[in-house]
Amino acid sequence: PGVADARQYTCPCEAALDAVRAGENPELGTADKHERVCYVV
């Protein structure tokens, strides 16, 4: 209620992505992998 329009962007954490691709097998929590950015009218 009160939101006229909204867009939500999901953004990967580049450091976490690079560590996985390098085969480091990091232990990543939910907040370690992504952040969410909302634009709200």
PDB file of all heavy atoms in Angstrom:
ATOM      1  N   PRO A   1       0.830  -1.214   0.000  1.00  0.00           N
ATOM      2  CA  PRO A   1       0.000   0.000   0.000  1.00  0.00           C
ATOM      3  C   PRO A   1       0.862   1.260   0.000  1.00  0.00           C
ATOM      4  O   PRO A   1       1.835   1.366   0.751  1.00  0.00           O
ATOM      5  CB  PRO A   1      -0.794  -0.122   1.308  1.00  0.00           C
ATOM      6  CG  PRO A   1      -0.851  -1.594   1.574  1.00  0.00           C
ATOM      7  CD  PRO A   1       0.455  -2.145   1.089  1.00  0.00           C
ATOM      8  N   GLY A   2       0.508   2.201  -0.882  1.00  0.00           N
ATOM      9  CA  GLY A   2       1.247   3.442  -0.991  1.00  0.00           C
ATOM     10  C   GLY A   2       2.282   3.460  -2.085  1.00  0.00           C
ATOM     11  O   GLY A   2       2.886   4.503  -2.366  1.00  0.00           O
ATOM     12  N   VAL A   3       2.505   2.307  -2.755  1.00  0.00           N
ATOM     13  CA  VAL A   3       3.475   2.229  -3.850  1.00  0.00           C
ATOM     14  C   VAL A   3       2.749   2.365  -5.184  1.00  0.00           C
ATOM     15  O   VAL A   3       1.858   1.573  -5.491  1.00  0.00           O
ATOM     16  CB  VAL A   3       4.267   0.905  -3.809  1.00  0.00           C
ATOM     17  CG1 VAL A   3       5.155   0.767  -5.043  1.00  0.00           C
ATOM     18  CG2 VAL A   3       5.101   0.830  -2.546  1.00  0.00           C
ATOM     19  N   ALA A   4       3.136   3.368  -5.969  1.00  0.00           N
ATOM     20  CA  ALA A   4       2.531   3.574  -7.284  1.00  0.00           C
ATOM     21  C   ALA A   4       3.249   2.768  -8.351  1.00  0.00           C
ATOM     22  O   ALA A   4       2.632   2.281  -9.306  1.00  0.00           O
ATOM     23  CB  ALA A   4       2.563   5.059  -7.639  1.00  0.00           C
ATOM     24  N   ASP A   5       4.562   2.625  -8.227  1.00  0.00           N
ATOM     25  CA  ASP A   5       5.344   1.862  -9.198  1.00  0.00           C
ATOM     26  C   ASP A   5       6.661   1.473  -8.540  1.00  0.00           C
ATOM     27  O   ASP A   5       7.100   2.119  -7.582  1.00  0.00           O
ATOM     28  CB  ASP A   5       5.609   2.685 -10.458  1.00  0.00           C
ATOM     29  CG  ASP A   5       6.044   1.823 -11.652  1.00  0.00           C
ATOM     30  OD1 ASP A   5       6.043   0.587 -11.512  1.00  0.00           O
ATOM     31  OD2 ASP A   5       6.382   2.388 -12.702  1.00  0.00           O
ATOM     32  N   ALA A   6       7.293   0.406  -9.058  1.00  0.00           N
ATOM     33  CA  ALA A   6       8.554  -0.033  -8.468  1.00  0.00           C
ATOM     34  C   ALA A   6       9.324  -0.917  -9.437  1.00  0.00           C
ATOM     35  O   ALA A   6       8.735  -1.625 -10.258  1.00  0.00           O
ATOM     36  CB  ALA A   6       8.300  -0.793  -7.166  1.00  0.00           C
ATOM     37  N   ARG A   7      10.659  -0.848  -9.328  1.00  0.00           N
ATOM     38  CA  ARG A   7      11.557  -1.769 -10.018  1.00  0.00           C
ATOM     39  C   ARG A   7      12.570  -2.262  -8.991  1.00  0.00           C
ATOM     40  O   ARG A   7      13.111  -1.479  -8.216  1.00  0.00           O
ATOM     41  CB  ARG A   7      12.314  -1.090 -11.158  1.00  0.00           C
ATOM     42  CG  ARG A   7      11.460  -0.620 -12.297  1.00  0.00           C
ATOM     43  CD  ARG A   7      10.909  -1.744 -13.156  1.00  0.00           C
ATOM     44  NE  ARG A   7      10.211  -1.180 -14.305  1.00  0.00           N
ATOM     45  CZ  ARG A   7       8.983  -0.697 -14.280  1.00  0.00           C
ATOM     46  NH1 ARG A   7       8.297  -0.692 -13.142  1.00  0.00           N
ATOM     47  NH2 ARG A   7       8.425  -0.206 -15.374  1.00  0.00           N
ATOM     48  N   GLN A   8      12.825  -3.565  -9.029  1.00  0.00           N
ATOM     49  CA  GLN A   8      13.815  -4.127  -8.120  1.00  0.00           C
ATOM     50  C   GLN A   8      14.939  -4.762  -8.923  1.00  0.00           C
ATOM     51  O   GLN A   8      14.708  -5.623  -9.773  1.00  0.00           O
ATOM     52  CB  GLN A   8      13.184  -5.160  -7.196  1.00  0.00           C
ATOM     53  CG  GLN A   8      14.137  -5.675  -6.118  1.00  0.00           C
ATOM     54  CD  GLN A   8      14.891  -6.921  -6.525  1.00  0.00           C
ATOM     55  OE1 GLN A   8      14.307  -7.914  -6.944  1.00  0.00           O
ATOM     56  NE2 GLN A   8      16.207  -6.892  -6.403  1.00  0.00           N
ATOM     57  N   TYR A   9      16.163  -4.341  -8.661  1.00  0.00           N
ATOM     58  CA  TYR A   9      17.344  -4.886  -9.325  1.00  0.00           C
ATOM     59  C   TYR A   9      18.070  -5.838  -8.375  1.00  0.00           C
ATOM     60  O   TYR A   9      18.339  -5.499  -7.220  1.00  0.00           O
ATOM     61  CB  TYR A   9      18.304  -3.770  -9.727  1.00  0.00           C
ATOM     62  CG  TYR A   9      17.796  -2.884 -10.842  1.00  0.00           C
ATOM     63  CD1 TYR A   9      16.956  -1.816 -10.568  1.00  0.00           C
ATOM     64  CD2 TYR A   9      18.160  -3.120 -12.170  1.00  0.00           C
ATOM     65  CE1 TYR A   9      16.485  -0.987 -11.579  1.00  0.00           C
ATOM     66  CE2 TYR A   9      17.698  -2.302 -13.192  1.00  0.00           C
ATOM     67  CZ  TYR A   9      16.867  -1.242 -12.887  1.00  0.00           C
ATOM     68  OH  TYR A   9      16.393  -0.429 -13.897  1.00  0.00           O
ATOM     69  N   THR A  10      18.388  -7.006  -8.880  1.00  0.00           N
ATOM     70  CA  THR A  10      19.229  -7.952  -8.160  1.00  0.00           C
ATOM     71  C   THR A  10      20.643  -7.815  -8.712  1.00  0.00           C
ATOM     72  O   THR A  10      20.845  -7.889  -9.927  1.00  0.00           O
ATOM     73  CB  THR A  10      18.728  -9.387  -8.350  1.00  0.00           C
ATOM     74  OG1 THR A  10      17.385  -9.479  -7.871  1.00  0.00           O
ATOM     75  CG2 THR A  10      19.603 -10.371  -7.599  1.00  0.00           C
ATOM     76  N   CYS A  11      21.615  -7.624  -7.823  1.00  0.00           N
ATOM     77  CA  CYS A  11      22.994  -7.353  -8.240  1.00  0.00           C
ATOM     78  C   CYS A  11      23.932  -8.362  -7.580  1.00  0.00           C
ATOM     79  O   CYS A  11      23.994  -8.453  -6.350  1.00  0.00           O
ATOM     80  CB  CYS A  11      23.409  -5.944  -7.827  1.00  0.00           C
ATOM     81  SG  CYS A  11      22.288  -4.648  -8.422  1.00  0.00           S
ATOM     82  N   PRO A  12      24.690  -9.157  -8.384  1.00  0.00           N
ATOM     83  CA  PRO A  12      25.626 -10.103  -7.793  1.00  0.00           C
ATOM     84  C   PRO A  12      26.840  -9.405  -7.205  1.00  0.00           C
ATOM     85  O   PRO A  12      27.248  -8.339  -7.686  1.00  0.00           O
ATOM     86  CB  PRO A  12      26.025 -10.982  -8.981  1.00  0.00           C
ATOM     87  CG  PRO A  12      25.848 -10.108 -10.173  1.00  0.00           C
ATOM     88  CD  PRO A  12      24.683  -9.198  -9.857  1.00  0.00           C
ATOM     89  N   CYS A  13      27.404  -9.997  -6.178  1.00  0.00           N
ATOM     90  CA  CYS A  13      28.640  -9.494  -5.583  1.00  0.00           C
ATOM     91  C   CYS A  13      29.807  -9.992  -6.436  1.00  0.00           C
ATOM     92  O   CYS A  13      30.046 -11.209  -6.532  1.00  0.00           O
ATOM     93  CB  CYS A  13      28.766  -9.986  -4.155  1.00  0.00           C
ATOM     94  SG  CYS A  13      30.350  -9.581  -3.385  1.00  0.00           S
ATOM     95  N   GLU A  14      30.529  -9.091  -7.070  1.00  0.00           N
ATOM     96  CA  GLU A  14      31.592  -9.469  -7.999  1.00  0.00           C
ATOM     97  C   GLU A  14      32.707 -10.234  -7.308  1.00  0.00           C
ATOM     98  O   GLU A  14      33.276 -11.172  -7.880  1.00  0.00           O
ATOM     99  CB  GLU A  14      32.147  -8.220  -8.692  1.00  0.00           C
ATOM    100  CG  GLU A  14      31.168  -7.552  -9.640  1.00  0.00           C
ATOM    101  CD  GLU A  14      30.770  -8.431 -10.814  1.00  0.00           C
ATOM    102  OE1 GLU A  14      31.590  -9.285 -11.218  1.00  0.00           O
ATOM    103  OE2 GLU A  14      29.633  -8.280 -11.307  1.00  0.00           O
ATOM    104  N   ALA A  15      33.045  -9.874  -6.085  1.00  0.00           N
ATOM    105  CA  ALA A  15      34.121 -10.574  -5.381  1.00  0.00           C
ATOM    106  C   ALA A  15      33.751 -12.038  -5.133  1.00  0.00           C
ATOM    107  O   ALA A  15      34.583 -12.941  -5.291  1.00  0.00           O
ATOM    108  CB  ALA A  15      34.417  -9.871  -4.059  1.00  0.00           C
ATOM    109  N   ALA A  16      32.503 -12.275  -4.761  1.00  0.00           N
ATOM    110  CA  ALA A  16      32.045 -13.645  -4.535  1.00  0.00           C
ATOM    111  C   ALA A  16      32.031 -14.436  -5.838  1.00  0.00           C
ATOM    112  O   ALA A  16      32.443 -15.607  -5.886  1.00  0.00           O
ATOM    113  CB  ALA A  16      30.655 -13.632  -3.910  1.00  0.00           C
ATOM    114  N   LEU A  17      31.577 -13.807  -6.917  1.00  0.00           N
ATOM    115  CA  LEU A  17      31.527 -14.456  -8.221  1.00  0.00           C
ATOM    116  C   LEU A  17      32.929 -14.843  -8.684  1.00  0.00           C
ATOM    117  O   LEU A  17      33.153 -15.965  -9.175  1.00  0.00           O
ATOM    118  CB  LEU A  17      30.851 -13.519  -9.224  1.00  0.00           C
ATOM    119  CG  LEU A  17      30.557 -14.041 -10.630  1.00  0.00           C
ATOM    120  CD1 LEU A  17      29.716 -15.300 -10.585  1.00  0.00           C
ATOM    121  CD2 LEU A  17      29.841 -12.964 -11.447  1.00  0.00           C
ATOM    122  N   ASP A  18      33.885 -13.951  -8.520  1.00  0.00           N
ATOM    123  CA  ASP A  18      35.270 -14.236  -8.930  1.00  0.00           C
ATOM    124  C   ASP A  18      35.862 -15.384  -8.121  1.00  0.00           C
ATOM    125  O   ASP A  18      36.592 -16.238  -8.669  1.00  0.00           O
ATOM    126  CB  ASP A  18      36.131 -12.984  -8.754  1.00  0.00           C
ATOM    127  CG  ASP A  18      35.783 -11.880  -9.748  1.00  0.00           C
ATOM    128  OD1 ASP A  18      35.137 -12.193 -10.765  1.00  0.00           O
ATOM    129  OD2 ASP A  18      36.154 -10.713  -9.497  1.00  0.00           O
ATOM    130  N   ALA A  19      35.559 -15.435  -6.823  1.00  0.00           N
ATOM    131  CA  ALA A  19      36.090 -16.501  -5.972  1.00  0.00           C
ATOM    132  C   ALA A  19      35.544 -17.866  -6.380  1.00  0.00           C
ATOM    133  O   ALA A  19      36.275 -18.869  -6.385  1.00  0.00           O
ATOM    134  CB  ALA A  19      35.752 -16.211  -4.507  1.00  0.00           C
ATOM    135  N   VAL A  20      34.272 -17.920  -6.745  1.00  0.00           N
ATOM    136  CA  VAL A  20      33.665 -19.179  -7.181  1.00  0.00           C
ATOM    137  C   VAL A  20      34.282 -19.626  -8.501  1.00  0.00           C
ATOM    138  O   VAL A  20      34.647 -20.807  -8.665  1.00  0.00           O
ATOM    139  CB  VAL A  20      32.141 -19.016  -7.319  1.00  0.00           C
ATOM    140  CG1 VAL A  20      31.535 -20.242  -7.996  1.00  0.00           C
ATOM    141  CG2 VAL A  20      31.505 -18.804  -5.952  1.00  0.00           C
ATOM    142  N   ARG A  21      34.418 -18.725  -9.445  1.00  0.00           N
ATOM    143  CA  ARG A  21      34.995 -19.078 -10.748  1.00  0.00           C
ATOM    144  C   ARG A  21      36.441 -19.552 -10.622  1.00  0.00           C
ATOM    145  O   ARG A  21      36.912 -20.347 -11.436  1.00  0.00           O
ATOM    146  CB  ARG A  21      34.919 -17.865 -11.684  1.00  0.00           C
ATOM    147  CG  ARG A  21      33.534 -17.616 -12.235  1.00  0.00           C
ATOM    148  CD  ARG A  21      33.483 -16.342 -13.031  1.00  0.00           C
ATOM    149  NE  ARG A  21      32.241 -16.210 -13.790  1.00  0.00           N
ATOM    150  CZ  ARG A  21      31.762 -15.057 -14.219  1.00  0.00           C
ATOM    151  NH1 ARG A  21      32.421 -13.926 -13.968  1.00  0.00           N
ATOM    152  NH2 ARG A  21      30.632 -15.021 -14.900  1.00  0.00           N
ATOM    153  N   ALA A  22      37.124 -19.060  -9.614  1.00  0.00           N
ATOM    154  CA  ALA A  22      38.515 -19.461  -9.391  1.00  0.00           C
ATOM    155  C   ALA A  22      38.620 -20.815  -8.695  1.00  0.00           C
ATOM    156  O   ALA A  22      39.727 -21.315  -8.456  1.00  0.00           O
ATOM    157  CB  ALA A  22      39.237 -18.402  -8.573  1.00  0.00           C
ATOM    158  N   GLY A  23      37.493 -21.415  -8.365  1.00  0.00           N
ATOM    159  CA  GLY A  23      37.508 -22.718  -7.718  1.00  0.00           C
ATOM    160  C   GLY A  23      37.846 -22.685  -6.249  1.00  0.00           C
ATOM    161  O   GLY A  23      38.241 -23.704  -5.670  1.00  0.00           O
ATOM    162  N   GLU A  24      37.645 -21.528  -5.590  1.00  0.00           N
ATOM    163  CA  GLU A  24      37.988 -21.407  -4.174  1.00  0.00           C
ATOM    164  C   GLU A  24      36.934 -22.010  -3.247  1.00  0.00           C
ATOM    165  O   GLU A  24      37.176 -22.172  -2.053  1.00  0.00           O
ATOM    166  CB  GLU A  24      38.199 -19.926  -3.826  1.00  0.00           C
ATOM    167  CG  GLU A  24      39.366 -19.288  -4.567  1.00  0.00           C
ATOM    168  CD  GLU A  24      39.492 -17.803  -4.282  1.00  0.00           C
ATOM    169  OE1 GLU A  24      38.791 -17.307  -3.356  1.00  0.00           O
ATOM    170  OE2 GLU A  24      40.272 -17.134  -4.977  1.00  0.00           O
ATOM    171  N   ASN A  25      35.769 -22.335  -3.783  1.00  0.00           N
ATOM    172  CA  ASN A  25      34.671 -22.935  -3.009  1.00  0.00           C
ATOM    173  C   ASN A  25      34.366 -22.173  -1.726  1.00  0.00           C
ATOM    174  O   ASN A  25      34.324 -22.740  -0.622  1.00  0.00           O
ATOM    175  CB  ASN A  25      34.974 -24.397  -2.655  1.00  0.00           C
ATOM    176  CG  ASN A  25      35.014 -25.284  -3.875  1.00  0.00           C
ATOM    177  OD1 ASN A  25      34.407 -24.978  -4.892  1.00  0.00           O
ATOM    178  ND2 ASN A  25      35.745 -26.389  -3.780  1.00  0.00           N
ATOM    179  N   PRO A  26      34.106 -20.869  -1.827  1.00  0.00           N
ATOM    180  CA  PRO A  26      33.835 -20.088  -0.614  1.00  0.00           C
ATOM    181  C   PRO A  26      32.493 -20.469   0.011  1.00  0.00           C
ATOM    182  O   PRO A  26      31.573 -20.907  -0.671  1.00  0.00           O
ATOM    183  CB  PRO A  26      33.795 -18.644  -1.131  1.00  0.00           C
ATOM    184  CG  PRO A  26      33.358 -18.776  -2.559  1.00  0.00           C
ATOM    185  CD  PRO A  26      33.999 -20.045  -3.051  1.00  0.00           C
ATOM    186  N   GLU A  27      32.410 -20.304   1.318  1.00  0.00           N
ATOM    187  CA  GLU A  27      31.135 -20.467   2.023  1.00  0.00           C
ATOM    188  C   GLU A  27      30.434 -19.111   1.979  1.00  0.00           C
ATOM    189  O   GLU A  27      30.897 -18.142   2.582  1.00  0.00           O
ATOM    190  CB  GLU A  27      31.360 -20.904   3.456  1.00  0.00           C
ATOM    191  CG  GLU A  27      31.928 -22.304   3.601  1.00  0.00           C
ATOM    192  CD  GLU A  27      30.940 -23.381   3.154  1.00  0.00           C
ATOM    193  OE1 GLU A  27      29.716 -23.113   3.207  1.00  0.00           O
ATOM    194  OE2 GLU A  27      31.397 -24.465   2.755  1.00  0.00           O
ATOM    195  N   LEU A  28      29.329 -19.049   1.269  1.00  0.00           N
ATOM    196  CA  LEU A  28      28.649 -17.774   1.037  1.00  0.00           C
ATOM    197  C   LEU A  28      27.238 -17.811   1.616  1.00  0.00           C
ATOM    198  O   LEU A  28      26.439 -18.681   1.257  1.00  0.00           O
ATOM    199  CB  LEU A  28      28.584 -17.463  -0.461  1.00  0.00           C
ATOM    200  CG  LEU A  28      29.929 -17.333  -1.187  1.00  0.00           C
ATOM    201  CD1 LEU A  28      29.702 -17.194  -2.691  1.00  0.00           C
ATOM    202  CD2 LEU A  28      30.705 -16.140  -0.657  1.00  0.00           C
ATOM    203  N   GLY A  29      26.940 -16.861   2.467  1.00  0.00           N
ATOM    204  CA  GLY A  29      25.579 -16.693   2.930  1.00  0.00           C
ATOM    205  C   GLY A  29      24.762 -15.916   1.917  1.00  0.00           C
ATOM    206  O   GLY A  29      25.297 -15.400   0.927  1.00  0.00           O
ATOM    207  N   THR A  30      23.469 -15.839   2.153  1.00  0.00           N
ATOM    208  CA  THR A  30      22.573 -15.146   1.224  1.00  0.00           C
ATOM    209  C   THR A  30      23.034 -13.721   0.960  1.00  0.00           C
ATOM    210  O   THR A  30      23.092 -13.284  -0.194  1.00  0.00           O
ATOM    211  CB  THR A  30      21.140 -15.131   1.801  1.00  0.00           C
ATOM    212  OG1 THR A  30      20.683 -16.477   1.936  1.00  0.00           O
ATOM    213  CG2 THR A  30      20.196 -14.384   0.877  1.00  0.00           C
ATOM    214  N   ALA A  31      23.381 -13.015   2.004  1.00  0.00           N
ATOM    215  CA  ALA A  31      23.765 -11.609   1.849  1.00  0.00           C
ATOM    216  C   ALA A  31      25.147 -11.441   1.235  1.00  0.00           C
ATOM    217  O   ALA A  31      25.496 -10.349   0.788  1.00  0.00           O
ATOM    218  CB  ALA A  31      23.718 -10.907   3.207  1.00  0.00           C
ATOM    219  N   ASP A  32      25.943 -12.530   1.200  1.00  0.00           N
ATOM    220  CA  ASP A  32      27.283 -12.445   0.626  1.00  0.00           C
ATOM    221  C   ASP A  32      27.255 -12.485  -0.900  1.00  0.00           C
ATOM    222  O   ASP A  32      28.201 -12.028  -1.547  1.00  0.00           O
ATOM    223  CB  ASP A  32      28.150 -13.601   1.127  1.00  0.00           C
ATOM    224  CG  ASP A  32      28.346 -13.568   2.628  1.00  0.00           C
ATOM    225  OD1 ASP A  32      28.496 -12.458   3.164  1.00  0.00           O
ATOM    226  OD2 ASP A  32      28.334 -14.643   3.251  1.00  0.00           O
ATOM    227  N   LYS A  33      26.199 -13.044  -1.479  1.00  0.00           N
ATOM    228  CA  LYS A  33      26.162 -13.255  -2.924  1.00  0.00           C
ATOM    229  C   LYS A  33      25.482 -12.135  -3.687  1.00  0.00           C
ATOM    230  O   LYS A  33      25.797 -11.884  -4.855  1.00  0.00           O
ATOM    231  CB  LYS A  33      25.459 -14.582  -3.235  1.00  0.00           C
ATOM    232  CG  LYS A  33      26.221 -15.803  -2.767  1.00  0.00           C
ATOM    233  CD  LYS A  33      25.577 -17.094  -3.240  1.00  0.00           C
ATOM    234  CE  LYS A  33      24.247 -17.348  -2.550  1.00  0.00           C
ATOM    235  NZ  LYS A  33      23.658 -18.648  -2.948  1.00  0.00           N
ATOM    236  N   HIS A  34      24.498 -11.481  -3.076  1.00  0.00           N
ATOM    237  CA  HIS A  34      23.699 -10.492  -3.794  1.00  0.00           C
ATOM    238  C   HIS A  34      23.314  -9.327  -2.899  1.00  0.00           C
ATOM    239  O   HIS A  34      23.284  -9.456  -1.684  1.00  0.00           O
ATOM    240  CB  HIS A  34      22.379 -11.093  -4.314  1.00  0.00           C
ATOM    241  CG  HIS A  34      22.547 -12.246  -5.229  1.00  0.00           C
ATOM    242  ND1 HIS A  34      22.561 -13.539  -4.784  1.00  0.00           N
ATOM    243  CD2 HIS A  34      22.699 -12.298  -6.582  1.00  0.00           C
ATOM    244  CE1 HIS A  34      22.717 -14.363  -5.816  1.00  0.00           C
ATOM    245  NE2 HIS A  34      22.805 -13.634  -6.908  1.00  0.00           N
ATOM    246  N   GLU A  35      22.981  -8.251  -3.549  1.00  0.00           N
ATOM    247  CA  GLU A  35      22.242  -7.183  -2.888  1.00  0.00           C
ATOM    248  C   GLU A  35      21.041  -6.839  -3.760  1.00  0.00           C
ATOM    249  O   GLU A  35      21.038  -7.097  -4.965  1.00  0.00           O
ATOM    250  CB  GLU A  35      23.105  -5.937  -2.662  1.00  0.00           C
ATOM    251  CG  GLU A  35      23.543  -5.217  -3.914  1.00  0.00           C
ATOM    252  CD  GLU A  35      24.209  -3.885  -3.588  1.00  0.00           C
ATOM    253  OE1 GLU A  35      23.840  -3.265  -2.579  1.00  0.00           O
ATOM    254  OE2 GLU A  35      25.074  -3.470  -4.371  1.00  0.00           O
ATOM    255  N   ARG A  36      20.022  -6.288  -3.134  1.00  0.00           N
ATOM    256  CA  ARG A  36      18.806  -5.914  -3.863  1.00  0.00           C
ATOM    257  C   ARG A  36      18.635  -4.401  -3.779  1.00  0.00           C
ATOM    258  O   ARG A  36      18.737  -3.823  -2.698  1.00  0.00           O
ATOM    259  CB  ARG A  36      17.589  -6.632  -3.295  1.00  0.00           C
ATOM    260  CG  ARG A  36      17.697  -8.161  -3.408  1.00  0.00           C
ATOM    261  CD  ARG A  36      16.360  -8.829  -3.194  1.00  0.00           C
ATOM    262  NE  ARG A  36      16.442 -10.273  -3.260  1.00  0.00           N
ATOM    263  CZ  ARG A  36      16.436 -10.990  -4.373  1.00  0.00           C
ATOM    264  NH1 ARG A  36      16.379 -10.368  -5.547  1.00  0.00           N
ATOM    265  NH2 ARG A  36      16.500 -12.303  -4.338  1.00  0.00           N
ATOM    266  N   VAL A  37      18.388  -3.799  -4.932  1.00  0.00           N
ATOM    267  CA  VAL A  37      18.230  -2.351  -5.013  1.00  0.00           C
ATOM    268  C   VAL A  37      16.846  -2.051  -5.570  1.00  0.00           C
ATOM    269  O   VAL A  37      16.498  -2.507  -6.665  1.00  0.00           O
ATOM    270  CB  VAL A  37      19.315  -1.710  -5.902  1.00  0.00           C
ATOM    271  CG1 VAL A  37      19.145  -0.193  -5.933  1.00  0.00           C
ATOM    272  CG2 VAL A  37      20.708  -2.085  -5.402  1.00  0.00           C
ATOM    273  N   CYS A  38      16.049  -1.303  -4.814  1.00  0.00           N
ATOM    274  CA  CYS A  38      14.670  -0.995  -5.201  1.00  0.00           C
ATOM    275  C   CYS A  38      14.524   0.490  -5.547  1.00  0.00           C
ATOM    276  O   CYS A  38      15.008   1.353  -4.798  1.00  0.00           O
ATOM    277  CB  CYS A  38      13.702  -1.334  -4.077  1.00  0.00           C
ATOM    278  SG  CYS A  38      13.728  -3.055  -3.549  1.00  0.00           S
ATOM    279  N   TYR A  39      13.850   0.751  -6.639  1.00  0.00           N
ATOM    280  CA  TYR A  39      13.479   2.111  -7.012  1.00  0.00           C
ATOM    281  C   TYR A  39      11.963   2.188  -6.928  1.00  0.00           C
ATOM    282  O   TYR A  39      11.259   1.412  -7.599  1.00  0.00           O
ATOM    283  CB  TYR A  39      13.972   2.443  -8.417  1.00  0.00           C
ATOM    284  CG  TYR A  39      15.486   2.505  -8.500  1.00  0.00           C
ATOM    285  CD1 TYR A  39      16.223   1.360  -8.765  1.00  0.00           C
ATOM    286  CD2 TYR A  39      16.161   3.702  -8.283  1.00  0.00           C
ATOM    287  CE1 TYR A  39      17.609   1.399  -8.821  1.00  0.00           C
ATOM    288  CE2 TYR A  39      17.550   3.754  -8.344  1.00  0.00           C
ATOM    289  CZ  TYR A  39      18.270   2.610  -8.605  1.00  0.00           C
ATOM    290  OH  TYR A  39      19.638   2.663  -8.647  1.00  0.00           O
ATOM    291  N   VAL A  40      11.472   3.110  -6.099  1.00  0.00           N
ATOM    292  CA  VAL A  40      10.050   3.141  -5.761  1.00  0.00           C
ATOM    293  C   VAL A  40       9.467   4.524  -6.037  1.00  0.00           C
ATOM    294  O   VAL A  40      10.046   5.542  -5.638  1.00  0.00           O
ATOM    295  CB  VAL A  40       9.835   2.783  -4.274  1.00  0.00           C
ATOM    296  CG1 VAL A  40       8.362   2.876  -3.907  1.00  0.00           C
ATOM    297  CG2 VAL A  40      10.382   1.393  -3.976  1.00  0.00           C
ATOM    298  N   VAL A  41       8.309   4.528  -6.715  1.00  0.00           N
ATOM    299  CA  VAL A  41       7.506   5.739  -6.845  1.00  0.00           C
ATOM    300  C   VAL A  41       6.388   5.635  -5.818  1.00  0.00           C
ATOM    301  O   VAL A  41       5.535   4.751  -5.914  1.00  0.00           O
ATOM    302  CB  VAL A  41       6.923   5.887  -8.260  1.00  0.00           C
ATOM    303  CG1 VAL A  41       6.059   7.149  -8.339  1.00  0.00           C
ATOM    304  CG2 VAL A  41       8.026   5.926  -9.301  1.00  0.00           C
TER     305      VAL A  41
END
